[in-house]
């Protein structure tokens, strides 16, 4: 029974983090395109229902944004 609970928890965490990165990627695209980009999913339930190749690339953009911020902070801290 513990394995089923662990799988459920990890799937829930994966979906929540994926939606967080998707929202970040959409925000970046909205800023870069000056508001012309429209979010495909506006809430968590529709995001959980369907994922496409377009959504995956937006999630990668969101992840790369946070990696860039972490790298920039590490660089700035090491140069001080």
PDB file of N, CA and C in Angstrom:
ATOM      1  N   UNK A   1       0.813  -1.190   0.000  1.00  0.00           N
ATOM      2  CA  UNK A   1       0.000   0.000   0.000  1.00  0.00           C
ATOM      3  C   UNK A   1       0.861   1.260   0.000  1.00  0.00           C
ATOM      4  N   UNK A   2       2.032   1.168   0.571  1.00  0.00           N
ATOM      5  CA  UNK A   2       2.918   2.321   0.645  1.00  0.00           C
ATOM      6  C   UNK A   2       3.433   2.719  -0.735  1.00  0.00           C
ATOM      7  N   UNK A   3       3.649   1.752  -1.600  1.00  0.00           N
ATOM      8  CA  UNK A   3       4.135   2.049  -2.953  1.00  0.00           C
ATOM      9  C   UNK A   3       3.084   2.832  -3.735  1.00  0.00           C
ATOM     10  N   UNK A   4       1.841   2.474  -3.586  1.00  0.00           N
ATOM     11  CA  UNK A   4       0.758   3.186  -4.278  1.00  0.00           C
ATOM     12  C   UNK A   4       0.664   4.626  -3.780  1.00  0.00           C
ATOM     13  N   UNK A   5       0.806   4.820  -2.495  1.00  0.00           N
ATOM     14  CA  UNK A   5       0.767   6.174  -1.930  1.00  0.00           C
ATOM     15  C   UNK A   5       1.947   6.992  -2.429  1.00  0.00           C
ATOM     16  N   UNK A   6       3.135   6.378  -2.496  1.00  0.00           N
ATOM     17  CA  UNK A   6       4.320   7.087  -2.996  1.00  0.00           C
ATOM     18  C   UNK A   6       4.145   7.494  -4.457  1.00  0.00           C
ATOM     19  N   UNK A   7       3.621   6.602  -5.264  1.00  0.00           N
ATOM     20  CA  UNK A   7       3.400   6.919  -6.679  1.00  0.00           C
ATOM     21  C   UNK A   7       2.402   8.055  -6.814  1.00  0.00           C
ATOM     22  N   UNK A   8       1.331   8.018  -6.048  1.00  0.00           N
ATOM     23  CA  UNK A   8       0.328   9.077  -6.092  1.00  0.00           C
ATOM     24  C   UNK A   8       0.927  10.424  -5.699  1.00  0.00           C
ATOM     25  N   UNK A   9       1.720  10.430  -4.636  1.00  0.00           N
ATOM     26  CA  UNK A   9       2.342  11.681  -4.184  1.00  0.00           C
ATOM     27  C   UNK A   9       3.298  12.223  -5.235  1.00  0.00           C
ATOM     28  N   UNK A  10       4.118  11.366  -5.824  1.00  0.00           N
ATOM     29  CA  UNK A  10       5.083  11.830  -6.824  1.00  0.00           C
ATOM     30  C   UNK A  10       4.386  12.310  -8.093  1.00  0.00           C
ATOM     31  N   UNK A  11       3.301  11.685  -8.491  1.00  0.00           N
ATOM     32  CA  UNK A  11       2.556  12.170  -9.657  1.00  0.00           C
ATOM     33  C   UNK A  11       1.920  13.526  -9.378  1.00  0.00           C
ATOM     34  N   UNK A  12       1.433  13.701  -8.172  1.00  0.00           N
ATOM     35  CA  UNK A  12       0.864  14.991  -7.781  1.00  0.00           C
ATOM     36  C   UNK A  12       1.936  16.081  -7.769  1.00  0.00           C
ATOM     37  N   UNK A  13       3.098  15.778  -7.215  1.00  0.00           N
ATOM     38  CA  UNK A  13       4.199  16.736  -7.191  1.00  0.00           C
ATOM     39  C   UNK A  13       4.668  17.050  -8.603  1.00  0.00           C
ATOM     40  N   UNK A  14       4.778  16.036  -9.455  1.00  0.00           N
ATOM     41  CA  UNK A  14       5.202  16.237 -10.836  1.00  0.00           C
ATOM     42  C   UNK A  14       4.242  17.153 -11.584  1.00  0.00           C
ATOM     43  N   UNK A  15       2.967  16.950 -11.408  1.00  0.00           N
ATOM     44  CA  UNK A  15       1.976  17.780 -12.088  1.00  0.00           C
ATOM     45  C   UNK A  15       2.008  19.215 -11.569  1.00  0.00           C
ATOM     46  N   UNK A  16       2.138  19.389 -10.275  1.00  0.00           N
ATOM     47  CA  UNK A  16       2.170  20.734  -9.701  1.00  0.00           C
ATOM     48  C   UNK A  16       3.412  21.497 -10.145  1.00  0.00           C
ATOM     49  N   UNK A  17       4.565  20.854 -10.116  1.00  0.00           N
ATOM     50  CA  UNK A  17       5.797  21.517 -10.554  1.00  0.00           C
ATOM     51  C   UNK A  17       5.747  21.784 -12.055  1.00  0.00           C
ATOM     52  N   UNK A  18       5.202  20.857 -12.827  1.00  0.00           N
ATOM     53  CA  UNK A  18       5.056  21.071 -14.267  1.00  0.00           C
ATOM     54  C   UNK A  18       4.179  22.268 -14.570  1.00  0.00           C
ATOM     55  N   UNK A  19       3.079  22.419 -13.836  1.00  0.00           N
ATOM     56  CA  UNK A  19       2.202  23.569 -14.034  1.00  0.00           C
ATOM     57  C   UNK A  19       2.908  24.860 -13.634  1.00  0.00           C
ATOM     58  N   UNK A  20       3.693  24.825 -12.580  1.00  0.00           N
ATOM     59  CA  UNK A  20       4.455  26.003 -12.149  1.00  0.00           C
ATOM     60  C   UNK A  20       5.447  26.432 -13.231  1.00  0.00           C
ATOM     61  N   UNK A  21       6.188  25.479 -13.801  1.00  0.00           N
ATOM     62  CA  UNK A  21       7.126  25.805 -14.874  1.00  0.00           C
ATOM     63  C   UNK A  21       6.391  26.259 -16.135  1.00  0.00           C
ATOM     64  N   UNK A  22       5.230  25.654 -16.423  1.00  0.00           N
ATOM     65  CA  UNK A  22       4.425  26.072 -17.575  1.00  0.00           C
ATOM     66  C   UNK A  22       3.956  27.519 -17.409  1.00  0.00           C
ATOM     67  N   UNK A  23       3.502  27.866 -16.219  1.00  0.00           N
ATOM     68  CA  UNK A  23       3.055  29.235 -15.973  1.00  0.00           C
ATOM     69  C   UNK A  23       4.195  30.226 -16.119  1.00  0.00           C
ATOM     70  N   UNK A  24       5.373  29.854 -15.649  1.00  0.00           N
ATOM     71  CA  UNK A  24       6.546  30.715 -15.798  1.00  0.00           C
ATOM     72  C   UNK A  24       6.902  30.895 -17.269  1.00  0.00           C
ATOM     73  N   UNK A  25       6.905  29.803 -18.032  1.00  0.00           N
ATOM     74  CA  UNK A  25       7.204  29.884 -19.460  1.00  0.00           C
ATOM     75  C   UNK A  25       6.196  30.738 -20.204  1.00  0.00           C
ATOM     76  N   UNK A  26       4.921  30.615 -19.852  1.00  0.00           N
ATOM     77  CA  UNK A  26       3.883  31.445 -20.487  1.00  0.00           C
ATOM     78  C   UNK A  26       4.081  32.912 -20.155  1.00  0.00           C
ATOM     79  N   UNK A  27       4.451  33.198 -18.915  1.00  0.00           N
ATOM     80  CA  UNK A  27       4.697  34.585 -18.525  1.00  0.00           C
ATOM     81  C   UNK A  27       5.874  35.164 -19.318  1.00  0.00           C
ATOM     82  N   UNK A  28       6.932  34.385 -19.491  1.00  0.00           N
ATOM     83  CA  UNK A  28       8.097  34.852 -20.264  1.00  0.00           C
ATOM     84  C   UNK A  28       7.691  35.102 -21.712  1.00  0.00           C
ATOM     85  N   UNK A  29       6.930  34.177 -22.306  1.00  0.00           N
ATOM     86  CA  UNK A  29       6.486  34.366 -23.687  1.00  0.00           C
ATOM     87  C   UNK A  29       5.559  35.565 -23.820  1.00  0.00           C
ATOM     88  N   UNK A  30       4.720  35.801 -22.830  1.00  0.00           N
ATOM     89  CA  UNK A  30       3.820  36.952 -22.865  1.00  0.00           C
ATOM     90  C   UNK A  30       4.608  38.255 -22.799  1.00  0.00           C
ATOM     91  N   UNK A  31       5.672  38.292 -22.007  1.00  0.00           N
ATOM     92  CA  UNK A  31       6.514  39.487 -21.918  1.00  0.00           C
ATOM     93  C   UNK A  31       7.293  39.693 -23.208  1.00  0.00           C
ATOM     94  N   UNK A  32       7.878  38.627 -23.741  1.00  0.00           N
ATOM     95  CA  UNK A  32       8.698  38.739 -24.951  1.00  0.00           C
ATOM     96  C   UNK A  32       7.861  39.131 -26.165  1.00  0.00           C
ATOM     97  N   UNK A  33       6.649  38.599 -26.272  1.00  0.00           N
ATOM     98  CA  UNK A  33       5.796  38.903 -27.423  1.00  0.00           C
ATOM     99  C   UNK A  33       4.899  40.111 -27.184  1.00  0.00           C
ATOM    100  N   UNK A  34       5.146  40.829 -26.091  1.00  0.00           N
ATOM    101  CA  UNK A  34       4.388  42.041 -25.741  1.00  0.00           C
ATOM    102  C   UNK A  34       2.882  41.775 -25.611  1.00  0.00           C
ATOM    103  N   UNK A  35       2.526  40.654 -25.002  1.00  0.00           N
ATOM    104  CA  UNK A  35       1.138  40.342 -24.704  1.00  0.00           C
ATOM    105  C   UNK A  35       0.372  39.618 -25.784  1.00  0.00           C
ATOM    106  N   UNK A  36       1.009  39.250 -26.864  1.00  0.00           N
ATOM    107  CA  UNK A  36       0.297  38.571 -27.959  1.00  0.00           C
ATOM    108  C   UNK A  36       0.133  37.074 -27.742  1.00  0.00           C
ATOM    109  N   UNK A  37       0.924  36.495 -26.859  1.00  0.00           N
ATOM    110  CA  UNK A  37       0.842  35.056 -26.588  1.00  0.00           C
ATOM    111  C   UNK A  37      -0.321  34.777 -25.653  1.00  0.00           C
ATOM    112  N   UNK A  38      -1.134  33.775 -25.978  1.00  0.00           N
ATOM    113  CA  UNK A  38      -2.256  33.371 -25.132  1.00  0.00           C
ATOM    114  C   UNK A  38      -1.962  32.027 -24.508  1.00  0.00           C
ATOM    115  N   UNK A  39      -2.235  31.902 -23.214  1.00  0.00           N
ATOM    116  CA  UNK A  39      -2.021  30.639 -22.517  1.00  0.00           C
ATOM    117  C   UNK A  39      -3.037  29.611 -22.991  1.00  0.00           C
ATOM    118  N   UNK A  40      -2.558  28.401 -23.269  1.00  0.00           N
ATOM    119  CA  UNK A  40      -3.457  27.326 -23.689  1.00  0.00           C
ATOM    120  C   UNK A  40      -4.273  26.815 -22.511  1.00  0.00           C
ATOM    121  N   UNK A  41      -3.635  26.721 -21.353  1.00  0.00           N
ATOM    122  CA  UNK A  41      -4.309  26.261 -20.141  1.00  0.00           C
ATOM    123  C   UNK A  41      -4.274  27.395 -19.126  1.00  0.00           C
ATOM    124  N   UNK A  42      -5.416  27.722 -18.595  1.00  0.00           N
ATOM    125  CA  UNK A  42      -5.461  28.807 -17.624  1.00  0.00           C
ATOM    126  C   UNK A  42      -5.612  28.318 -16.203  1.00  0.00           C
ATOM    127  N   UNK A  43      -5.907  27.041 -16.021  1.00  0.00           N
ATOM    128  CA  UNK A  43      -6.018  26.519 -14.676  1.00  0.00           C
ATOM    129  C   UNK A  43      -5.374  25.140 -14.582  1.00  0.00           C
ATOM    130  N   UNK A  44      -5.231  24.676 -13.358  1.00  0.00           N
ATOM    131  CA  UNK A  44      -4.510  23.438 -13.082  1.00  0.00           C
ATOM    132  C   UNK A  44      -5.222  22.211 -13.617  1.00  0.00           C
ATOM    133  N   UNK A  45      -6.542  22.211 -13.607  1.00  0.00           N
ATOM    134  CA  UNK A  45      -7.315  21.029 -14.013  1.00  0.00           C
ATOM    135  C   UNK A  45      -7.160  20.768 -15.507  1.00  0.00           C
ATOM    136  N   UNK A  46      -7.255  21.800 -16.345  1.00  0.00           N
ATOM    137  CA  UNK A  46      -7.102  21.583 -17.781  1.00  0.00           C
ATOM    138  C   UNK A  46      -5.659  21.273 -18.146  1.00  0.00           C
ATOM    139  N   UNK A  47      -4.700  21.789 -17.360  1.00  0.00           N
ATOM    140  CA  UNK A  47      -3.299  21.449 -17.608  1.00  0.00           C
ATOM    141  C   UNK A  47      -3.059  19.973 -17.348  1.00  0.00           C
ATOM    142  N   UNK A  48      -3.643  19.469 -16.269  1.00  0.00           N
ATOM    143  CA  UNK A  48      -3.468  18.066 -15.908  1.00  0.00           C
ATOM    144  C   UNK A  48      -4.093  17.139 -16.934  1.00  0.00           C
ATOM    145  N   UNK A  49      -5.128  17.611 -17.614  1.00  0.00           N
ATOM    146  CA  UNK A  49      -5.860  16.768 -18.544  1.00  0.00           C
ATOM    147  C   UNK A  49      -5.120  16.449 -19.824  1.00  0.00           C
ATOM    148  N   UNK A  50      -4.412  17.424 -20.370  1.00  0.00           N
ATOM    149  CA  UNK A  50      -3.772  17.199 -21.668  1.00  0.00           C
ATOM    150  C   UNK A  50      -2.464  17.958 -21.752  1.00  0.00           C
ATOM    151  N   UNK A  51      -1.441  17.248 -22.214  1.00  0.00           N
ATOM    152  CA  UNK A  51      -0.150  17.877 -22.444  1.00  0.00           C
ATOM    153  C   UNK A  51       0.246  17.593 -23.892  1.00  0.00           C
ATOM    154  N   UNK A  52       0.785  18.594 -24.545  1.00  0.00           N
ATOM    155  CA  UNK A  52       1.204  18.410 -25.932  1.00  0.00           C
ATOM    156  C   UNK A  52       2.666  18.784 -26.071  1.00  0.00           C
ATOM    157  N   UNK A  53       3.182  18.670 -27.283  1.00  0.00           N
ATOM    158  CA  UNK A  53       4.572  19.022 -27.554  1.00  0.00           C
ATOM    159  C   UNK A  53       4.805  20.511 -27.313  1.00  0.00           C
ATOM    160  N   UNK A  54       3.823  21.328 -27.651  1.00  0.00           N
ATOM    161  CA  UNK A  54       3.923  22.769 -27.433  1.00  0.00           C
ATOM    162  C   UNK A  54       4.038  23.085 -25.946  1.00  0.00           C
ATOM    163  N   UNK A  55       3.288  22.369 -25.132  1.00  0.00           N
ATOM    164  CA  UNK A  55       3.328  22.579 -23.688  1.00  0.00           C
ATOM    165  C   UNK A  55       4.689  22.168 -23.135  1.00  0.00           C
ATOM    166  N   UNK A  56       5.239  21.090 -23.629  1.00  0.00           N
ATOM    167  CA  UNK A  56       6.542  20.628 -23.163  1.00  0.00           C
ATOM    168  C   UNK A  56       7.624  21.661 -23.448  1.00  0.00           C
ATOM    169  N   UNK A  57       7.590  22.289 -24.616  1.00  0.00           N
ATOM    170  CA  UNK A  57       8.596  23.306 -24.925  1.00  0.00           C
ATOM    171  C   UNK A  57       8.437  24.536 -24.037  1.00  0.00           C
ATOM    172  N   UNK A  58       7.217  24.871 -23.653  1.00  0.00           N
ATOM    173  CA  UNK A  58       6.997  26.000 -22.741  1.00  0.00           C
ATOM    174  C   UNK A  58       7.500  25.650 -21.345  1.00  0.00           C
ATOM    175  N   UNK A  59       7.328  24.402 -20.925  1.00  0.00           N
ATOM    176  CA  UNK A  59       7.843  23.964 -19.632  1.00  0.00           C
ATOM    177  C   UNK A  59       9.370  24.022 -19.625  1.00  0.00           C
ATOM    178  N   UNK A  60      10.000  23.614 -20.720  1.00  0.00           N
ATOM    179  CA  UNK A  60      11.462  23.693 -20.825  1.00  0.00           C
ATOM    180  C   UNK A  60      11.922  25.146 -20.739  1.00  0.00           C
ATOM    181  N   UNK A  61      11.176  26.058 -21.337  1.00  0.00           N
ATOM    182  CA  UNK A  61      11.499  27.476 -21.231  1.00  0.00           C
ATOM    183  C   UNK A  61      11.412  27.948 -19.782  1.00  0.00           C
ATOM    184  N   UNK A  62      10.392  27.525 -19.060  1.00  0.00           N
ATOM    185  CA  UNK A  62      10.257  27.885 -17.643  1.00  0.00           C
ATOM    186  C   UNK A  62      11.391  27.334 -16.801  1.00  0.00           C
ATOM    187  N   UNK A  63      11.769  26.079 -17.036  1.00  0.00           N
ATOM    188  CA  UNK A  63      12.876  25.471 -16.295  1.00  0.00           C
ATOM    189  C   UNK A  63      14.177  26.189 -16.600  1.00  0.00           C
ATOM    190  N   UNK A  64      14.413  26.499 -17.870  1.00  0.00           N
ATOM    191  CA  UNK A  64      15.659  27.173 -18.238  1.00  0.00           C
ATOM    192  C   UNK A  64      15.738  28.569 -17.633  1.00  0.00           C
ATOM    193  N   UNK A  65      14.606  29.231 -17.441  1.00  0.00           N
ATOM    194  CA  UNK A  65      14.599  30.538 -16.787  1.00  0.00           C
ATOM    195  C   UNK A  65      15.126  30.427 -15.360  1.00  0.00           C
ATOM    196  N   UNK A  66      14.648  29.433 -14.610  1.00  0.00           N
ATOM    197  CA  UNK A  66      15.115  29.264 -13.237  1.00  0.00           C
ATOM    198  C   UNK A  66      16.562  28.793 -13.184  1.00  0.00           C
ATOM    199  N   UNK A  67      16.980  27.966 -14.120  1.00  0.00           N
ATOM    200  CA  UNK A  67      18.388  27.554 -14.178  1.00  0.00           C
ATOM    201  C   UNK A  67      19.269  28.768 -14.456  1.00  0.00           C
ATOM    202  N   UNK A  68      18.832  29.642 -15.345  1.00  0.00           N
ATOM    203  CA  UNK A  68      19.578  30.855 -15.645  1.00  0.00           C
ATOM    204  C   UNK A  68      19.686  31.758 -14.417  1.00  0.00           C
ATOM    205  N   UNK A  69      18.604  31.904 -13.666  1.00  0.00           N
ATOM    206  CA  UNK A  69      18.636  32.728 -12.451  1.00  0.00           C
ATOM    207  C   UNK A  69      19.596  32.134 -11.419  1.00  0.00           C
ATOM    208  N   UNK A  70      19.550  30.826 -11.221  1.00  0.00           N
ATOM    209  CA  UNK A  70      20.438  30.171 -10.257  1.00  0.00           C
ATOM    210  C   UNK A  70      21.891  30.321 -10.693  1.00  0.00           C
ATOM    211  N   UNK A  71      22.160  30.155 -11.987  1.00  0.00           N
ATOM    212  CA  UNK A  71      23.512  30.314 -12.505  1.00  0.00           C
ATOM    213  C   UNK A  71      23.999  31.748 -12.327  1.00  0.00           C
ATOM    214  N   UNK A  72      23.157  32.708 -12.592  1.00  0.00           N
ATOM    215  CA  UNK A  72      23.520  34.114 -12.425  1.00  0.00           C
ATOM    216  C   UNK A  72      23.822  34.434 -10.964  1.00  0.00           C
ATOM    217  N   UNK A  73      23.004  33.942 -10.064  1.00  0.00           N
ATOM    218  CA  UNK A  73      23.261  34.175  -8.621  1.00  0.00           C
ATOM    219  C   UNK A  73      24.569  33.528  -8.189  1.00  0.00           C
ATOM    220  N   UNK A  74      24.831  32.299  -8.657  1.00  0.00           N
ATOM    221  CA  UNK A  74      26.083  31.623  -8.300  1.00  0.00           C
ATOM    222  C   UNK A  74      27.278  32.389  -8.869  1.00  0.00           C
ATOM    223  N   UNK A  75      27.182  32.887 -10.074  1.00  0.00           N
ATOM    224  CA  UNK A  75      28.268  33.649 -10.686  1.00  0.00           C
ATOM    225  C   UNK A  75      28.524  34.950  -9.922  1.00  0.00           C
ATOM    226  N   UNK A  76      27.449  35.648  -9.581  1.00  0.00           N
ATOM    227  CA  UNK A  76      27.605  36.913  -8.861  1.00  0.00           C
ATOM    228  C   UNK A  76      28.173  36.702  -7.451  1.00  0.00           C
ATOM    229  N   UNK A  77      27.795  35.604  -6.806  1.00  0.00           N
ATOM    230  CA  UNK A  77      28.331  35.322  -5.475  1.00  0.00           C
ATOM    231  C   UNK A  77      29.789  34.901  -5.525  1.00  0.00           C
ATOM    232  N   UNK A  78      30.202  34.241  -6.572  1.00  0.00           N
ATOM    233  CA  UNK A  78      31.597  33.803  -6.656  1.00  0.00           C
ATOM    234  C   UNK A  78      32.534  34.942  -7.058  1.00  0.00           C
ATOM    235  N   UNK A  79      32.026  35.972  -7.698  1.00  0.00           N
ATOM    236  CA  UNK A  79      32.874  37.066  -8.132  1.00  0.00           C
ATOM    237  C   UNK A  79      33.066  38.128  -7.049  1.00  0.00           C
ATOM    238  N   UNK A  80      32.351  38.004  -5.944  1.00  0.00           N
ATOM    239  CA  UNK A  80      32.466  39.022  -4.878  1.00  0.00           C
ATOM    240  C   UNK A  80      33.671  38.808  -4.057  1.00  0.00           C
TER     241      UNK A  80
END
